[in-house]
């Protein structure tokens, strides 16, 4: 039971780091995968990744439609 709760918390934290990475060069997928391995390392990698420019964000949103 306790392991299940810790697993859900780990997935939720990795998802949060992935959301942070979605607006950066690393992207959601890589940020999520790295955070699954270790949340702290994933967070550091995301924060070190460059932010997307407004043009890149607009292009990314257009490609998702």
PDB file of N, CA and C in Angstrom:
ATOM      1  N   UNK A   1       0.822  -1.196   0.000  1.00  0.00           N
ATOM      2  CA  UNK A   1       0.000   0.000   0.000  1.00  0.00           C
ATOM      3  C   UNK A   1       0.866   1.260   0.000  1.00  0.00           C
ATOM      4  N   UNK A   2       1.873   1.294   0.868  1.00  0.00           N
ATOM      5  CA  UNK A   2       2.733   2.467   0.944  1.00  0.00           C
ATOM      6  C   UNK A   2       3.528   2.653  -0.332  1.00  0.00           C
ATOM      7  N   UNK A   3       3.967   1.533  -0.923  1.00  0.00           N
ATOM      8  CA  UNK A   3       4.718   1.635  -2.180  1.00  0.00           C
ATOM      9  C   UNK A   3       3.852   2.209  -3.295  1.00  0.00           C
ATOM     10  N   UNK A   4       2.596   1.844  -3.311  1.00  0.00           N
ATOM     11  CA  UNK A   4       1.685   2.364  -4.327  1.00  0.00           C
ATOM     12  C   UNK A   4       1.504   3.863  -4.207  1.00  0.00           C
ATOM     13  N   UNK A   5       1.384   4.336  -2.994  1.00  0.00           N
ATOM     14  CA  UNK A   5       1.224   5.779  -2.772  1.00  0.00           C
ATOM     15  C   UNK A   5       2.492   6.509  -3.189  1.00  0.00           C
ATOM     16  N   UNK A   6       3.659   5.966  -2.825  1.00  0.00           N
ATOM     17  CA  UNK A   6       4.928   6.589  -3.221  1.00  0.00           C
ATOM     18  C   UNK A   6       5.095   6.583  -4.736  1.00  0.00           C
ATOM     19  N   UNK A   7       4.650   5.506  -5.382  1.00  0.00           N
ATOM     20  CA  UNK A   7       4.717   5.424  -6.843  1.00  0.00           C
ATOM     21  C   UNK A   7       3.850   6.501  -7.487  1.00  0.00           C
ATOM     22  N   UNK A   8       2.654   6.682  -6.978  1.00  0.00           N
ATOM     23  CA  UNK A   8       1.750   7.709  -7.520  1.00  0.00           C
ATOM     24  C   UNK A   8       2.335   9.096  -7.301  1.00  0.00           C
ATOM     25  N   UNK A   9       2.927   9.343  -6.154  1.00  0.00           N
ATOM     26  CA  UNK A   9       3.549  10.640  -5.883  1.00  0.00           C
ATOM     27  C   UNK A   9       4.720  10.881  -6.840  1.00  0.00           C
ATOM     28  N   UNK A  10       5.536   9.846  -7.074  1.00  0.00           N
ATOM     29  CA  UNK A  10       6.676   9.972  -7.981  1.00  0.00           C
ATOM     30  C   UNK A  10       6.211  10.289  -9.405  1.00  0.00           C
ATOM     31  N   UNK A  11       5.156   9.624  -9.855  1.00  0.00           N
ATOM     32  CA  UNK A  11       4.617   9.885 -11.196  1.00  0.00           C
ATOM     33  C   UNK A  11       4.074  11.312 -11.280  1.00  0.00           C
ATOM     34  N   UNK A  12       3.382  11.752 -10.234  1.00  0.00           N
ATOM     35  CA  UNK A  12       2.825  13.110 -10.229  1.00  0.00           C
ATOM     36  C   UNK A  12       3.934  14.156 -10.253  1.00  0.00           C
ATOM     37  N   UNK A  13       4.989  13.948  -9.489  1.00  0.00           N
ATOM     38  CA  UNK A  13       6.108  14.891  -9.497  1.00  0.00           C
ATOM     39  C   UNK A  13       6.796  14.905 -10.862  1.00  0.00           C
ATOM     40  N   UNK A  14       6.991  13.734 -11.458  1.00  0.00           N
ATOM     41  CA  UNK A  14       7.599  13.655 -12.784  1.00  0.00           C
ATOM     42  C   UNK A  14       6.719  14.356 -13.817  1.00  0.00           C
ATOM     43  N   UNK A  15       5.408  14.211 -13.682  1.00  0.00           N
ATOM     44  CA  UNK A  15       4.484  14.890 -14.596  1.00  0.00           C
ATOM     45  C   UNK A  15       4.610  16.409 -14.441  1.00  0.00           C
ATOM     46  N   UNK A  16       4.722  16.882 -13.194  1.00  0.00           N
ATOM     47  CA  UNK A  16       4.899  18.319 -12.957  1.00  0.00           C
ATOM     48  C   UNK A  16       6.170  18.852 -13.578  1.00  0.00           C
ATOM     49  N   UNK A  17       7.255  18.100 -13.455  1.00  0.00           N
ATOM     50  CA  UNK A  17       8.523  18.514 -14.074  1.00  0.00           C
ATOM     51  C   UNK A  17       8.382  18.471 -15.595  1.00  0.00           C
ATOM     52  N   UNK A  18       7.660  17.496 -16.104  1.00  0.00           N
ATOM     53  CA  UNK A  18       7.421  17.416 -17.545  1.00  0.00           C
ATOM     54  C   UNK A  18       6.650  18.617 -18.059  1.00  0.00           C
ATOM     55  N   UNK A  19       5.662  19.067 -17.303  1.00  0.00           N
ATOM     56  CA  UNK A  19       4.902  20.261 -17.686  1.00  0.00           C
ATOM     57  C   UNK A  19       5.826  21.477 -17.727  1.00  0.00           C
ATOM     58  N   UNK A  20       6.722  21.563 -16.743  1.00  0.00           N
ATOM     59  CA  UNK A  20       7.692  22.667 -16.746  1.00  0.00           C
ATOM     60  C   UNK A  20       8.578  22.592 -17.991  1.00  0.00           C
ATOM     61  N   UNK A  21       8.952  21.384 -18.389  1.00  0.00           N
ATOM     62  CA  UNK A  21       9.813  21.204 -19.550  1.00  0.00           C
ATOM     63  C   UNK A  21       9.129  21.451 -20.876  1.00  0.00           C
ATOM     64  N   UNK A  22       7.803  21.465 -20.883  1.00  0.00           N
ATOM     65  CA  UNK A  22       7.087  21.638 -22.153  1.00  0.00           C
ATOM     66  C   UNK A  22       7.275  23.030 -22.742  1.00  0.00           C
ATOM     67  N   UNK A  23       7.636  23.996 -21.926  1.00  0.00           N
ATOM     68  CA  UNK A  23       7.866  25.349 -22.430  1.00  0.00           C
ATOM     69  C   UNK A  23       9.350  25.650 -22.571  1.00  0.00           C
ATOM     70  N   UNK A  24      10.146  24.606 -22.592  1.00  0.00           N
ATOM     71  CA  UNK A  24      11.589  24.743 -22.736  1.00  0.00           C
ATOM     72  C   UNK A  24      12.073  23.852 -23.878  1.00  0.00           C
ATOM     73  N   UNK A  25      13.344  24.007 -24.244  1.00  0.00           N
ATOM     74  CA  UNK A  25      13.909  23.259 -25.372  1.00  0.00           C
ATOM     75  C   UNK A  25      13.839  21.749 -25.154  1.00  0.00           C
ATOM     76  N   UNK A  26      13.937  21.309 -23.913  1.00  0.00           N
ATOM     77  CA  UNK A  26      13.964  19.875 -23.616  1.00  0.00           C
ATOM     78  C   UNK A  26      12.640  19.198 -23.957  1.00  0.00           C
ATOM     79  N   UNK A  27      11.539  19.892 -23.794  1.00  0.00           N
ATOM     80  CA  UNK A  27      10.233  19.337 -24.106  1.00  0.00           C
ATOM     81  C   UNK A  27       9.675  18.478 -22.984  1.00  0.00           C
ATOM     82  N   UNK A  28       8.385  18.178 -23.087  1.00  0.00           N
ATOM     83  CA  UNK A  28       7.698  17.405 -22.053  1.00  0.00           C
ATOM     84  C   UNK A  28       8.236  15.986 -21.943  1.00  0.00           C
ATOM     85  N   UNK A  29       8.384  15.320 -23.068  1.00  0.00           N
ATOM     86  CA  UNK A  29       8.748  13.906 -23.064  1.00  0.00           C
ATOM     87  C   UNK A  29      10.064  13.616 -22.378  1.00  0.00           C
ATOM     88  N   UNK A  30      11.108  14.311 -22.786  1.00  0.00           N
ATOM     89  CA  UNK A  30      12.419  14.085 -22.174  1.00  0.00           C
ATOM     90  C   UNK A  30      12.428  14.496 -20.713  1.00  0.00           C
ATOM     91  N   UNK A  31      11.790  15.601 -20.383  1.00  0.00           N
ATOM     92  CA  UNK A  31      11.739  16.037 -18.987  1.00  0.00           C
ATOM     93  C   UNK A  31      11.029  14.987 -18.132  1.00  0.00           C
ATOM     94  N   UNK A  32       9.947  14.429 -18.654  1.00  0.00           N
ATOM     95  CA  UNK A  32       9.196  13.406 -17.917  1.00  0.00           C
ATOM     96  C   UNK A  32      10.028  12.147 -17.720  1.00  0.00           C
ATOM     97  N   UNK A  33      10.692  11.686 -18.774  1.00  0.00           N
ATOM     98  CA  UNK A  33      11.492  10.462 -18.691  1.00  0.00           C
ATOM     99  C   UNK A  33      12.648  10.624 -17.708  1.00  0.00           C
ATOM    100  N   UNK A  34      13.353  11.750 -17.803  1.00  0.00           N
ATOM    101  CA  UNK A  34      14.464  11.990 -16.883  1.00  0.00           C
ATOM    102  C   UNK A  34      13.950  12.082 -15.453  1.00  0.00           C
ATOM    103  N   UNK A  35      12.797  12.689 -15.259  1.00  0.00           N
ATOM    104  CA  UNK A  35      12.227  12.826 -13.919  1.00  0.00           C
ATOM    105  C   UNK A  35      11.751  11.491 -13.361  1.00  0.00           C
ATOM    106  N   UNK A  36      11.385  10.563 -14.224  1.00  0.00           N
ATOM    107  CA  UNK A  36      11.030   9.232 -13.746  1.00  0.00           C
ATOM    108  C   UNK A  36      12.243   8.540 -13.134  1.00  0.00           C
ATOM    109  N   UNK A  37      13.421   8.818 -13.692  1.00  0.00           N
ATOM    110  CA  UNK A  37      14.641   8.230 -13.145  1.00  0.00           C
ATOM    111  C   UNK A  37      14.995   8.859 -11.803  1.00  0.00           C
ATOM    112  N   UNK A  38      14.935  10.197 -11.741  1.00  0.00           N
ATOM    113  CA  UNK A  38      15.218  10.921 -10.501  1.00  0.00           C
ATOM    114  C   UNK A  38      14.607  12.310 -10.637  1.00  0.00           C
ATOM    115  N   UNK A  39      13.675  12.647  -9.774  1.00  0.00           N
ATOM    116  CA  UNK A  39      12.937  13.904  -9.887  1.00  0.00           C
ATOM    117  C   UNK A  39      13.857  15.111  -9.715  1.00  0.00           C
ATOM    118  N   UNK A  40      14.787  15.036  -8.788  1.00  0.00           N
ATOM    119  CA  UNK A  40      15.677  16.177  -8.542  1.00  0.00           C
ATOM    120  C   UNK A  40      16.569  16.435  -9.753  1.00  0.00           C
ATOM    121  N   UNK A  41      17.131  15.378 -10.321  1.00  0.00           N
ATOM    122  CA  UNK A  41      17.965  15.535 -11.515  1.00  0.00           C
ATOM    123  C   UNK A  41      17.127  16.047 -12.675  1.00  0.00           C
ATOM    124  N   UNK A  42      15.921  15.528 -12.830  1.00  0.00           N
ATOM    125  CA  UNK A  42      15.025  16.015 -13.883  1.00  0.00           C
ATOM    126  C   UNK A  42      14.723  17.484 -13.731  1.00  0.00           C
ATOM    127  N   UNK A  43      14.483  17.932 -12.512  1.00  0.00           N
ATOM    128  CA  UNK A  43      14.209  19.340 -12.265  1.00  0.00           C
ATOM    129  C   UNK A  43      15.426  20.198 -12.607  1.00  0.00           C
ATOM    130  N   UNK A  44      16.605  19.751 -12.229  1.00  0.00           N
ATOM    131  CA  UNK A  44      17.829  20.495 -12.544  1.00  0.00           C
ATOM    132  C   UNK A  44      18.029  20.593 -14.043  1.00  0.00           C
ATOM    133  N   UNK A  45      17.816  19.483 -14.760  1.00  0.00           N
ATOM    134  CA  UNK A  45      17.977  19.480 -16.222  1.00  0.00           C
ATOM    135  C   UNK A  45      16.980  20.441 -16.864  1.00  0.00           C
ATOM    136  N   UNK A  46      15.734  20.424 -16.404  1.00  0.00           N
ATOM    137  CA  UNK A  46      14.716  21.311 -16.969  1.00  0.00           C
ATOM    138  C   UNK A  46      15.077  22.778 -16.716  1.00  0.00           C
ATOM    139  N   UNK A  47      15.504  23.080 -15.507  1.00  0.00           N
ATOM    140  CA  UNK A  47      15.835  24.465 -15.192  1.00  0.00           C
ATOM    141  C   UNK A  47      17.076  24.948 -15.937  1.00  0.00           C
ATOM    142  N   UNK A  48      17.968  24.032 -16.311  1.00  0.00           N
ATOM    143  CA  UNK A  48      19.154  24.408 -17.090  1.00  0.00           C
ATOM    144  C   UNK A  48      18.853  24.525 -18.587  1.00  0.00           C
ATOM    145  N   UNK A  49      17.757  23.931 -19.025  1.00  0.00           N
ATOM    146  CA  UNK A  49      17.369  23.990 -20.433  1.00  0.00           C
ATOM    147  C   UNK A  49      16.867  25.395 -20.773  1.00  0.00           C
ATOM    148  N   UNK A  50      17.188  25.834 -21.979  1.00  0.00           N
ATOM    149  CA  UNK A  50      16.776  27.174 -22.409  1.00  0.00           C
ATOM    150  C   UNK A  50      15.273  27.233 -22.634  1.00  0.00           C
ATOM    151  N   UNK A  51      14.702  28.400 -22.346  1.00  0.00           N
ATOM    152  CA  UNK A  51      13.276  28.609 -22.609  1.00  0.00           C
ATOM    153  C   UNK A  51      13.063  28.790 -24.102  1.00  0.00           C
ATOM    154  N   UNK A  52      11.893  28.380 -24.566  1.00  0.00           N
ATOM    155  CA  UNK A  52      11.525  28.595 -25.962  1.00  0.00           C
ATOM    156  C   UNK A  52      11.209  30.069 -26.179  1.00  0.00           C
ATOM    157  N   UNK A  53      11.559  30.564 -27.351  1.00  0.00           N
ATOM    158  CA  UNK A  53      11.228  31.945 -27.689  1.00  0.00           C
ATOM    159  C   UNK A  53       9.730  32.032 -27.979  1.00  0.00           C
ATOM    160  N   UNK A  54       9.157  33.232 -27.942  1.00  0.00           N
ATOM    161  CA  UNK A  54       7.726  33.365 -28.257  1.00  0.00           C
ATOM    162  C   UNK A  54       7.368  32.819 -29.643  1.00  0.00           C
ATOM    163  N   UNK A  55       8.288  32.968 -30.602  1.00  0.00           N
ATOM    164  CA  UNK A  55       8.025  32.444 -31.947  1.00  0.00           C
ATOM    165  C   UNK A  55       7.968  30.919 -31.924  1.00  0.00           C
ATOM    166  N   UNK A  56       8.904  30.300 -31.190  1.00  0.00           N
ATOM    167  CA  UNK A  56       8.911  28.843 -31.103  1.00  0.00           C
ATOM    168  C   UNK A  56       7.679  28.316 -30.368  1.00  0.00           C
ATOM    169  N   UNK A  57       7.247  29.038 -29.334  1.00  0.00           N
ATOM    170  CA  UNK A  57       6.028  28.638 -28.614  1.00  0.00           C
ATOM    171  C   UNK A  57       4.810  28.709 -29.530  1.00  0.00           C
ATOM    172  N   UNK A  58       4.716  29.784 -30.327  1.00  0.00           N
ATOM    173  CA  UNK A  58       3.590  29.937 -31.250  1.00  0.00           C
ATOM    174  C   UNK A  58       3.597  28.828 -32.297  1.00  0.00           C
ATOM    175  N   UNK A  59       4.789  28.509 -32.816  1.00  0.00           N
ATOM    176  CA  UNK A  59       4.893  27.445 -33.808  1.00  0.00           C
ATOM    177  C   UNK A  59       4.511  26.090 -33.208  1.00  0.00           C
ATOM    178  N   UNK A  60       4.919  25.852 -31.971  1.00  0.00           N
ATOM    179  CA  UNK A  60       4.590  24.603 -31.292  1.00  0.00           C
ATOM    180  C   UNK A  60       3.082  24.481 -31.088  1.00  0.00           C
ATOM    181  N   UNK A  61       2.428  25.576 -30.708  1.00  0.00           N
ATOM    182  CA  UNK A  61       0.975  25.559 -30.519  1.00  0.00           C
ATOM    183  C   UNK A  61       0.255  25.329 -31.835  1.00  0.00           C
ATOM    184  N   UNK A  62       0.763  25.919 -32.927  1.00  0.00           N
ATOM    185  CA  UNK A  62       0.140  25.713 -34.235  1.00  0.00           C
ATOM    186  C   UNK A  62       0.283  24.264 -34.687  1.00  0.00           C
ATOM    187  N   UNK A  63       1.415  23.632 -34.378  1.00  0.00           N
ATOM    188  CA  UNK A  63       1.615  22.253 -34.806  1.00  0.00           C
ATOM    189  C   UNK A  63       0.753  21.278 -33.984  1.00  0.00           C
ATOM    190  N   UNK A  64       0.343  21.676 -32.778  1.00  0.00           N
ATOM    191  CA  UNK A  64      -0.493  20.818 -31.945  1.00  0.00           C
ATOM    192  C   UNK A  64      -1.959  20.873 -32.341  1.00  0.00           C
ATOM    193  N   UNK A  65      -2.343  21.818 -33.141  1.00  0.00           N
ATOM    194  CA  UNK A  65      -3.767  21.954 -33.527  1.00  0.00           C
ATOM    195  C   UNK A  65      -4.150  21.000 -34.606  1.00  0.00           C
TER     196      UNK A  65
END
